[in-house]
Structure formats: structure tokens, C-alpha cells
């Protein structure tokens, strides 16, 4: 399985994470996903009154400079970690 195929498979798995997954972890996944699929941030930072989009933008910006493959690999690792934590909590 190629890295891209594995990434797409884990992107599907991420949608099945439990509701107890923290916002911090969801933002990490969001930032890695955007970096892997779009590349470096290409928009301006949302305004102070748009906290949700601002947090998402910051999470994406935190991954600036990572290659597509590096972001995909980090995303896969994070999804695996969160799935393991969820399974251990049961």
C-alpha cells in the first residue's frame, strides 16, 4: 500500500474517532490533513471574532514547511495513536 493510499484509509478511520476525542487532537489532525492535501497555508488568518476558523488556521500554520509525505506520515501516526487510546479506554 502506498503512502497516499494509507493516508486516505486513515482519513476514513479518523471519521470514526469517538466523540471524546479532544479538540486539541482534532485540530492537530486538521492541520496535518490540510498540510498533506493543500500544502502551506495559502489564506490570511481569520479575524479575532471567528475563533473556530482561527484555531483551524493556526493548526494548519503549525505544520508549515512539512512536505506532503511528512504530513501524511504524521497524520497516519496520530490517527493510529488516537485509535489505540480509544480502544484502551473501553
PDB file of N, CA and C in Angstrom:
ATOM      1  N   UNK A   1       0.857  -1.185   0.000  1.00  0.00           N
ATOM      2  CA  UNK A   1       0.000   0.000   0.000  1.00  0.00           C
ATOM      3  C   UNK A   1       0.897   1.240   0.000  1.00  0.00           C
ATOM      4  N   UNK A   2       0.611   2.157  -0.893  1.00  0.00           N
ATOM      5  CA  UNK A   2       1.399   3.385  -0.972  1.00  0.00           C
ATOM      6  C   UNK A   2       1.058   4.314   0.193  1.00  0.00           C
ATOM      7  N   UNK A   3       1.902   5.288   0.412  1.00  0.00           N
ATOM      8  CA  UNK A   3       1.682   6.247   1.493  1.00  0.00           C
ATOM      9  C   UNK A   3       0.360   6.988   1.287  1.00  0.00           C
ATOM     10  N   UNK A   4       0.087   7.370   0.046  1.00  0.00           N
ATOM     11  CA  UNK A   4      -1.158   8.095  -0.249  1.00  0.00           C
ATOM     12  C   UNK A   4      -2.383   7.228   0.035  1.00  0.00           C
ATOM     13  N   UNK A   5      -2.323   5.964  -0.331  1.00  0.00           N
ATOM     14  CA  UNK A   5      -3.435   5.051  -0.068  1.00  0.00           C
ATOM     15  C   UNK A   5      -3.634   4.847   1.431  1.00  0.00           C
ATOM     16  N   UNK A   6      -2.530   4.689   2.145  1.00  0.00           N
ATOM     17  CA  UNK A   6      -2.605   4.519   3.599  1.00  0.00           C
ATOM     18  C   UNK A   6      -3.156   5.791   4.252  1.00  0.00           C
ATOM     19  N   UNK A   7      -2.743   6.938   3.754  1.00  0.00           N
ATOM     20  CA  UNK A   7      -3.242   8.218   4.255  1.00  0.00           C
ATOM     21  C   UNK A   7      -4.753   8.317   4.058  1.00  0.00           C
ATOM     22  N   UNK A   8      -5.224   7.981   2.874  1.00  0.00           N
ATOM     23  CA  UNK A   8      -6.662   8.042   2.584  1.00  0.00           C
ATOM     24  C   UNK A   8      -7.447   7.076   3.469  1.00  0.00           C
ATOM     25  N   UNK A   9      -6.871   5.904   3.719  1.00  0.00           N
ATOM     26  CA  UNK A   9      -7.515   4.916   4.599  1.00  0.00           C
ATOM     27  C   UNK A   9      -7.619   5.463   6.031  1.00  0.00           C
ATOM     28  N   UNK A  10      -6.563   6.095   6.501  1.00  0.00           N
ATOM     29  CA  UNK A  10      -6.580   6.652   7.861  1.00  0.00           C
ATOM     30  C   UNK A  10      -7.460   7.896   7.953  1.00  0.00           C
ATOM     31  N   UNK A  11      -7.621   8.613   6.854  1.00  0.00           N
ATOM     32  CA  UNK A  11      -8.540   9.752   6.845  1.00  0.00           C
ATOM     33  C   UNK A  11      -9.964   9.251   7.062  1.00  0.00           C
ATOM     34  N   UNK A  12     -10.290   8.093   6.487  1.00  0.00           N
ATOM     35  CA  UNK A  12     -11.605   7.487   6.715  1.00  0.00           C
ATOM     36  C   UNK A  12     -11.735   7.024   8.167  1.00  0.00           C
ATOM     37  N   UNK A  13     -10.670   6.423   8.691  1.00  0.00           N
ATOM     38  CA  UNK A  13     -10.676   5.971  10.086  1.00  0.00           C
ATOM     39  C   UNK A  13     -10.852   7.137  11.053  1.00  0.00           C
ATOM     40  N   UNK A  14     -10.278   8.277  10.716  1.00  0.00           N
ATOM     41  CA  UNK A  14     -10.365   9.453  11.600  1.00  0.00           C
ATOM     42  C   UNK A  14     -11.812   9.884  11.801  1.00  0.00           C
ATOM     43  N   UNK A  15     -12.640   9.626  10.821  1.00  0.00           N
ATOM     44  CA  UNK A  15     -14.052   9.997  10.939  1.00  0.00           C
ATOM     45  C   UNK A  15     -14.790   9.121  11.951  1.00  0.00           C
ATOM     46  N   UNK A  16     -14.177   8.007  12.346  1.00  0.00           N
ATOM     47  CA  UNK A  16     -14.808   7.096  13.303  1.00  0.00           C
ATOM     48  C   UNK A  16     -14.247   7.248  14.716  1.00  0.00           C
ATOM     49  N   UNK A  17     -13.429   8.271  14.927  1.00  0.00           N
ATOM     50  CA  UNK A  17     -12.893   8.504  16.271  1.00  0.00           C
ATOM     51  C   UNK A  17     -14.044   8.820  17.221  1.00  0.00           C
ATOM     52  N   UNK A  18     -13.909   8.440  18.480  1.00  0.00           N
ATOM     53  CA  UNK A  18     -15.005   8.682  19.435  1.00  0.00           C
ATOM     54  C   UNK A  18     -15.240  10.171  19.692  1.00  0.00           C
ATOM     55  N   UNK A  19     -16.438  10.473  20.169  1.00  0.00           N
ATOM     56  CA  UNK A  19     -16.800  11.858  20.482  1.00  0.00           C
ATOM     57  C   UNK A  19     -15.936  12.439  21.600  1.00  0.00           C
ATOM     58  N   UNK A  20     -15.270  11.574  22.336  1.00  0.00           N
ATOM     59  CA  UNK A  20     -14.438  12.033  23.450  1.00  0.00           C
ATOM     60  C   UNK A  20     -13.070  12.541  22.994  1.00  0.00           C
ATOM     61  N   UNK A  21     -12.784  12.450  21.709  1.00  0.00           N
ATOM     62  CA  UNK A  21     -11.521  12.959  21.177  1.00  0.00           C
ATOM     63  C   UNK A  21     -11.459  14.466  21.426  1.00  0.00           C
ATOM     64  N   UNK A  22     -10.354  14.918  22.001  1.00  0.00           N
ATOM     65  CA  UNK A  22     -10.248  16.326  22.382  1.00  0.00           C
ATOM     66  C   UNK A  22     -10.154  17.235  21.159  1.00  0.00           C
ATOM     67  N   UNK A  23     -10.580  18.466  21.352  1.00  0.00           N
ATOM     68  CA  UNK A  23     -10.463  19.464  20.282  1.00  0.00           C
ATOM     69  C   UNK A  23      -9.014  19.653  19.879  1.00  0.00           C
ATOM     70  N   UNK A  24      -8.113  19.591  20.854  1.00  0.00           N
ATOM     71  CA  UNK A  24      -6.682  19.759  20.561  1.00  0.00           C
ATOM     72  C   UNK A  24      -6.220  18.688  19.569  1.00  0.00           C
ATOM     73  N   UNK A  25      -6.599  17.442  19.821  1.00  0.00           N
ATOM     74  CA  UNK A  25      -6.217  16.357  18.912  1.00  0.00           C
ATOM     75  C   UNK A  25      -6.893  16.495  17.554  1.00  0.00           C
ATOM     76  N   UNK A  26      -8.136  16.914  17.539  1.00  0.00           N
ATOM     77  CA  UNK A  26      -8.829  17.121  16.262  1.00  0.00           C
ATOM     78  C   UNK A  26      -8.168  18.237  15.457  1.00  0.00           C
ATOM     79  N   UNK A  27      -7.714  19.273  16.138  1.00  0.00           N
ATOM     80  CA  UNK A  27      -7.022  20.362  15.441  1.00  0.00           C
ATOM     81  C   UNK A  27      -5.676  19.902  14.884  1.00  0.00           C
ATOM     82  N   UNK A  28      -4.991  19.051  15.634  1.00  0.00           N
ATOM     83  CA  UNK A  28      -3.720  18.501  15.135  1.00  0.00           C
ATOM     84  C   UNK A  28      -3.976  17.721  13.848  1.00  0.00           C
ATOM     85  N   UNK A  29      -5.004  16.884  13.868  1.00  0.00           N
ATOM     86  CA  UNK A  29      -5.341  16.113  12.666  1.00  0.00           C
ATOM     87  C   UNK A  29      -5.718  17.033  11.508  1.00  0.00           C
ATOM     88  N   UNK A  30      -6.502  18.057  11.806  1.00  0.00           N
ATOM     89  CA  UNK A  30      -6.911  19.001  10.767  1.00  0.00           C
ATOM     90  C   UNK A  30      -5.688  19.661  10.125  1.00  0.00           C
ATOM     91  N   UNK A  31      -4.787  20.147  10.953  1.00  0.00           N
ATOM     92  CA  UNK A  31      -3.594  20.826  10.442  1.00  0.00           C
ATOM     93  C   UNK A  31      -2.738  19.914   9.578  1.00  0.00           C
ATOM     94  N   UNK A  32      -2.560  18.681  10.025  1.00  0.00           N
ATOM     95  CA  UNK A  32      -1.773  17.722   9.241  1.00  0.00           C
ATOM     96  C   UNK A  32      -2.474  17.361   7.933  1.00  0.00           C
ATOM     97  N   UNK A  33      -3.793  17.203   7.994  1.00  0.00           N
ATOM     98  CA  UNK A  33      -4.556  16.870   6.785  1.00  0.00           C
ATOM     99  C   UNK A  33      -4.437  17.995   5.750  1.00  0.00           C
ATOM    100  N   UNK A  34      -4.626  19.219   6.189  1.00  0.00           N
ATOM    101  CA  UNK A  34      -4.527  20.359   5.264  1.00  0.00           C
ATOM    102  C   UNK A  34      -3.123  20.471   4.679  1.00  0.00           C
ATOM    103  N   UNK A  35      -2.102  20.264   5.496  1.00  0.00           N
ATOM    104  CA  UNK A  35      -0.733  20.354   5.013  1.00  0.00           C
ATOM    105  C   UNK A  35      -0.463  19.251   3.987  1.00  0.00           C
ATOM    106  N   UNK A  36      -1.006  18.061   4.242  1.00  0.00           N
ATOM    107  CA  UNK A  36      -0.789  16.933   3.335  1.00  0.00           C
ATOM    108  C   UNK A  36      -1.540  17.102   2.020  1.00  0.00           C
ATOM    109  N   UNK A  37      -2.712  17.715   2.063  1.00  0.00           N
ATOM    110  CA  UNK A  37      -3.536  17.796   0.856  1.00  0.00           C
ATOM    111  C   UNK A  37      -3.419  19.119   0.105  1.00  0.00           C
ATOM    112  N   UNK A  38      -3.112  20.207   0.820  1.00  0.00           N
ATOM    113  CA  UNK A  38      -3.054  21.525   0.180  1.00  0.00           C
ATOM    114  C   UNK A  38      -1.631  22.075   0.147  1.00  0.00           C
ATOM    115  N   UNK A  39      -0.865  21.819   1.199  1.00  0.00           N
ATOM    116  CA  UNK A  39       0.472  22.392   1.325  1.00  0.00           C
ATOM    117  C   UNK A  39       0.429  23.517   2.337  1.00  0.00           C
ATOM    118  N   UNK A  40       1.378  24.422   2.248  1.00  0.00           N
ATOM    119  CA  UNK A  40       1.449  25.532   3.198  1.00  0.00           C
ATOM    120  C   UNK A  40       0.198  26.405   3.145  1.00  0.00           C
ATOM    121  N   UNK A  41      -0.086  27.044   4.261  1.00  0.00           N
ATOM    122  CA  UNK A  41      -1.246  27.935   4.368  1.00  0.00           C
ATOM    123  C   UNK A  41      -1.244  28.926   3.215  1.00  0.00           C
ATOM    124  N   UNK A  42      -2.402  29.073   2.576  1.00  0.00           N
ATOM    125  CA  UNK A  42      -2.488  29.965   1.415  1.00  0.00           C
ATOM    126  C   UNK A  42      -3.601  31.005   1.583  1.00  0.00           C
ATOM    127  N   UNK A  43      -4.032  31.215   2.817  1.00  0.00           N
ATOM    128  CA  UNK A  43      -5.065  32.201   3.113  1.00  0.00           C
ATOM    129  C   UNK A  43      -4.598  33.076   4.269  1.00  0.00           C
ATOM    130  N   UNK A  44      -5.261  34.201   4.449  1.00  0.00           N
ATOM    131  CA  UNK A  44      -4.914  35.049   5.586  1.00  0.00           C
ATOM    132  C   UNK A  44      -5.619  34.532   6.839  1.00  0.00           C
ATOM    133  N   UNK A  45      -5.065  34.863   7.980  1.00  0.00           N
ATOM    134  CA  UNK A  45      -5.601  34.395   9.256  1.00  0.00           C
ATOM    135  C   UNK A  45      -6.966  35.029   9.514  1.00  0.00           C
ATOM    136  N   UNK A  46      -7.954  34.206   9.884  1.00  0.00           N
ATOM    137  CA  UNK A  46      -9.288  34.750  10.185  1.00  0.00           C
ATOM    138  C   UNK A  46      -9.244  35.746  11.345  1.00  0.00           C
ATOM    139  N   UNK A  47     -10.235  36.613  11.391  1.00  0.00           N
ATOM    140  CA  UNK A  47     -10.302  37.645  12.409  1.00  0.00           C
ATOM    141  C   UNK A  47     -10.543  37.110  13.815  1.00  0.00           C
ATOM    142  N   UNK A  48     -10.343  37.960  14.784  1.00  0.00           N
ATOM    143  CA  UNK A  48     -10.435  37.615  16.196  1.00  0.00           C
ATOM    144  C   UNK A  48     -11.826  37.114  16.586  1.00  0.00           C
ATOM    145  N   UNK A  49     -12.845  37.529  15.882  1.00  0.00           N
ATOM    146  CA  UNK A  49     -14.203  37.131  16.239  1.00  0.00           C
ATOM    147  C   UNK A  49     -14.613  35.792  15.624  1.00  0.00           C
ATOM    148  N   UNK A  50     -13.742  35.206  14.848  1.00  0.00           N
ATOM    149  CA  UNK A  50     -14.005  33.917  14.227  1.00  0.00           C
ATOM    150  C   UNK A  50     -13.055  32.886  14.850  1.00  0.00           C
ATOM    151  N   UNK A  51     -13.289  32.559  16.127  1.00  0.00           N
ATOM    152  CA  UNK A  51     -12.372  31.724  16.893  1.00  0.00           C
ATOM    153  C   UNK A  51     -12.201  30.314  16.314  1.00  0.00           C
ATOM    154  N   UNK A  52     -13.277  29.717  15.837  1.00  0.00           N
ATOM    155  CA  UNK A  52     -13.207  28.351  15.315  1.00  0.00           C
ATOM    156  C   UNK A  52     -12.277  28.274  14.102  1.00  0.00           C
ATOM    157  N   UNK A  53     -12.524  29.130  13.123  1.00  0.00           N
ATOM    158  CA  UNK A  53     -11.690  29.111  11.916  1.00  0.00           C
ATOM    159  C   UNK A  53     -10.266  29.561  12.218  1.00  0.00           C
ATOM    160  N   UNK A  54     -10.128  30.456  13.178  1.00  0.00           N
ATOM    161  CA  UNK A  54      -8.798  30.931  13.569  1.00  0.00           C
ATOM    162  C   UNK A  54      -7.983  29.785  14.176  1.00  0.00           C
ATOM    163  N   UNK A  55      -8.618  28.959  15.010  1.00  0.00           N
ATOM    164  CA  UNK A  55      -7.934  27.812  15.617  1.00  0.00           C
ATOM    165  C   UNK A  55      -7.530  26.803  14.542  1.00  0.00           C
ATOM    166  N   UNK A  56      -8.400  26.587  13.573  1.00  0.00           N
ATOM    167  CA  UNK A  56      -8.091  25.667  12.484  1.00  0.00           C
ATOM    168  C   UNK A  56      -6.927  26.206  11.645  1.00  0.00           C
ATOM    169  N   UNK A  57      -6.946  27.497  11.366  1.00  0.00           N
ATOM    170  CA  UNK A  57      -5.878  28.119  10.589  1.00  0.00           C
ATOM    171  C   UNK A  57      -4.546  27.985  11.333  1.00  0.00           C
ATOM    172  N   UNK A  58      -4.571  28.243  12.649  1.00  0.00           N
ATOM    173  CA  UNK A  58      -3.354  28.127  13.468  1.00  0.00           C
ATOM    174  C   UNK A  58      -2.814  26.700  13.461  1.00  0.00           C
ATOM    175  N   UNK A  59      -3.722  25.710  13.517  1.00  0.00           N
ATOM    176  CA  UNK A  59      -3.294  24.309  13.491  1.00  0.00           C
ATOM    177  C   UNK A  59      -2.625  23.975  12.163  1.00  0.00           C
ATOM    178  N   UNK A  60      -3.153  24.506  11.079  1.00  0.00           N
ATOM    179  CA  UNK A  60      -2.566  24.288   9.763  1.00  0.00           C
ATOM    180  C   UNK A  60      -1.212  24.997   9.671  1.00  0.00           C
ATOM    181  N   UNK A  61      -1.160  26.233  10.133  1.00  0.00           N
ATOM    182  CA  UNK A  61       0.065  27.039  10.076  1.00  0.00           C
ATOM    183  C   UNK A  61       1.197  26.367  10.860  1.00  0.00           C
ATOM    184  N   UNK A  62       0.840  25.651  11.943  1.00  0.00           N
ATOM    185  CA  UNK A  62       1.845  24.987  12.776  1.00  0.00           C
ATOM    186  C   UNK A  62       2.613  23.911  11.997  1.00  0.00           C
ATOM    187  N   UNK A  63       2.060  23.461  10.887  1.00  0.00           N
ATOM    188  CA  UNK A  63       2.705  22.428  10.075  1.00  0.00           C
ATOM    189  C   UNK A  63       3.399  22.978   8.839  1.00  0.00           C
ATOM    190  N   UNK A  64       3.453  24.289   8.740  1.00  0.00           N
ATOM    191  CA  UNK A  64       4.059  24.930   7.568  1.00  0.00           C
ATOM    192  C   UNK A  64       5.495  24.454   7.378  1.00  0.00           C
ATOM    193  N   UNK A  65       5.824  24.150   6.148  1.00  0.00           N
ATOM    194  CA  UNK A  65       7.179  23.715   5.827  1.00  0.00           C
ATOM    195  C   UNK A  65       7.322  22.201   5.756  1.00  0.00           C
ATOM    196  N   UNK A  66       6.364  21.458   6.298  1.00  0.00           N
ATOM    197  CA  UNK A  66       6.425  19.998   6.199  1.00  0.00           C
ATOM    198  C   UNK A  66       6.105  19.588   4.766  1.00  0.00           C
ATOM    199  N   UNK A  67       6.802  18.575   4.320  1.00  0.00           N
ATOM    200  CA  UNK A  67       6.500  18.049   2.980  1.00  0.00           C
ATOM    201  C   UNK A  67       5.170  17.303   3.031  1.00  0.00           C
ATOM    202  N   UNK A  68       4.610  17.087   1.872  1.00  0.00           N
ATOM    203  CA  UNK A  68       3.350  16.357   1.756  1.00  0.00           C
ATOM    204  C   UNK A  68       3.496  14.970   2.392  1.00  0.00           C
ATOM    205  N   UNK A  69       4.575  14.268   2.058  1.00  0.00           N
ATOM    206  CA  UNK A  69       4.791  12.921   2.587  1.00  0.00           C
ATOM    207  C   UNK A  69       4.980  12.927   4.103  1.00  0.00           C
ATOM    208  N   UNK A  70       5.701  13.916   4.608  1.00  0.00           N
ATOM    209  CA  UNK A  70       5.925  14.013   6.055  1.00  0.00           C
ATOM    210  C   UNK A  70       4.603  14.274   6.783  1.00  0.00           C
ATOM    211  N   UNK A  71       3.777  15.152   6.237  1.00  0.00           N
ATOM    212  CA  UNK A  71       2.480  15.449   6.843  1.00  0.00           C
ATOM    213  C   UNK A  71       1.574  14.215   6.798  1.00  0.00           C
ATOM    214  N   UNK A  72       1.591  13.477   5.685  1.00  0.00           N
ATOM    215  CA  UNK A  72       0.787  12.260   5.588  1.00  0.00           C
ATOM    216  C   UNK A  72       1.231  11.238   6.630  1.00  0.00           C
ATOM    217  N   UNK A  73       2.524  11.062   6.755  1.00  0.00           N
ATOM    218  CA  UNK A  73       3.072  10.110   7.712  1.00  0.00           C
ATOM    219  C   UNK A  73       2.704  10.500   9.149  1.00  0.00           C
ATOM    220  N   UNK A  74       2.834  11.772   9.482  1.00  0.00           N
ATOM    221  CA  UNK A  74       2.478  12.256  10.817  1.00  0.00           C
ATOM    222  C   UNK A  74       0.982  12.081  11.087  1.00  0.00           C
ATOM    223  N   UNK A  75       0.167  12.309  10.073  1.00  0.00           N
ATOM    224  CA  UNK A  75      -1.284  12.143  10.193  1.00  0.00           C
ATOM    225  C   UNK A  75      -1.623  10.684  10.502  1.00  0.00           C
ATOM    226  N   UNK A  76      -1.029   9.773   9.751  1.00  0.00           N
ATOM    227  CA  UNK A  76      -1.268   8.339   9.960  1.00  0.00           C
ATOM    228  C   UNK A  76      -0.877   7.942  11.374  1.00  0.00           C
ATOM    229  N   UNK A  77       0.278   8.395  11.823  1.00  0.00           N
ATOM    230  CA  UNK A  77       0.752   8.088  13.169  1.00  0.00           C
ATOM    231  C   UNK A  77      -0.215   8.607  14.221  1.00  0.00           C
ATOM    232  N   UNK A  78      -0.711   9.823  14.044  1.00  0.00           N
ATOM    233  CA  UNK A  78      -1.627  10.423  15.021  1.00  0.00           C
ATOM    234  C   UNK A  78      -2.960   9.674  15.061  1.00  0.00           C
ATOM    235  N   UNK A  79      -3.492   9.307  13.914  1.00  0.00           N
ATOM    236  CA  UNK A  79      -4.755   8.556  13.885  1.00  0.00           C
ATOM    237  C   UNK A  79      -4.574   7.215  14.591  1.00  0.00           C
ATOM    238  N   UNK A  80      -3.457   6.522  14.316  1.00  0.00           N
ATOM    239  CA  UNK A  80      -3.184   5.243  14.980  1.00  0.00           C
ATOM    240  C   UNK A  80      -3.142   5.429  16.495  1.00  0.00           C
ATOM    241  N   UNK A  81      -2.458   6.481  16.942  1.00  0.00           N
ATOM    242  CA  UNK A  81      -2.339   6.763  18.370  1.00  0.00           C
ATOM    243  C   UNK A  81      -3.710   7.000  18.994  1.00  0.00           C
ATOM    244  N   UNK A  82      -4.543   7.799  18.355  1.00  0.00           N
ATOM    245  CA  UNK A  82      -5.858   8.096  18.886  1.00  0.00           C
ATOM    246  C   UNK A  82      -6.770   6.876  18.895  1.00  0.00           C
ATOM    247  N   UNK A  83      -6.667   6.025  17.866  1.00  0.00           N
ATOM    248  CA  UNK A  83      -7.454   4.797  17.823  1.00  0.00           C
ATOM    249  C   UNK A  83      -7.032   3.849  18.950  1.00  0.00           C
ATOM    250  N   UNK A  84      -5.729   3.751  19.195  1.00  0.00           N
ATOM    251  CA  UNK A  84      -5.231   2.899  20.277  1.00  0.00           C
ATOM    252  C   UNK A  84      -5.705   3.406  21.636  1.00  0.00           C
ATOM    253  N   UNK A  85      -5.647   4.723  21.826  1.00  0.00           N
ATOM    254  CA  UNK A  85      -6.108   5.311  23.083  1.00  0.00           C
ATOM    255  C   UNK A  85      -7.597   5.052  23.282  1.00  0.00           C
ATOM    256  N   UNK A  86      -8.378   5.152  22.222  1.00  0.00           N
ATOM    257  CA  UNK A  86      -9.814   4.922  22.310  1.00  0.00           C
ATOM    258  C   UNK A  86     -10.105   3.464  22.645  1.00  0.00           C
ATOM    259  N   UNK A  87      -9.347   2.555  22.054  1.00  0.00           N
ATOM    260  CA  UNK A  87      -9.543   1.129  22.310  1.00  0.00           C
ATOM    261  C   UNK A  87      -9.161   0.775  23.739  1.00  0.00           C
ATOM    262  N   UNK A  88      -8.112   1.410  24.268  1.00  0.00           N
ATOM    263  CA  UNK A  88      -7.669   1.147  25.632  1.00  0.00           C
ATOM    264  C   UNK A  88      -8.659   1.685  26.657  1.00  0.00           C
ATOM    265  N   UNK A  89      -9.408   2.709  26.281  1.00  0.00           N
ATOM    266  CA  UNK A  89     -10.362   3.335  27.199  1.00  0.00           C
ATOM    267  C   UNK A  89     -11.629   2.490  27.373  1.00  0.00           C
ATOM    268  N   UNK A  90     -11.857   1.562  26.452  1.00  0.00           N
ATOM    269  CA  UNK A  90     -13.080   0.733  26.515  1.00  0.00           C
ATOM    270  C   UNK A  90     -12.993  -0.319  27.603  1.00  0.00           C
TER     271      UNK A  90
END
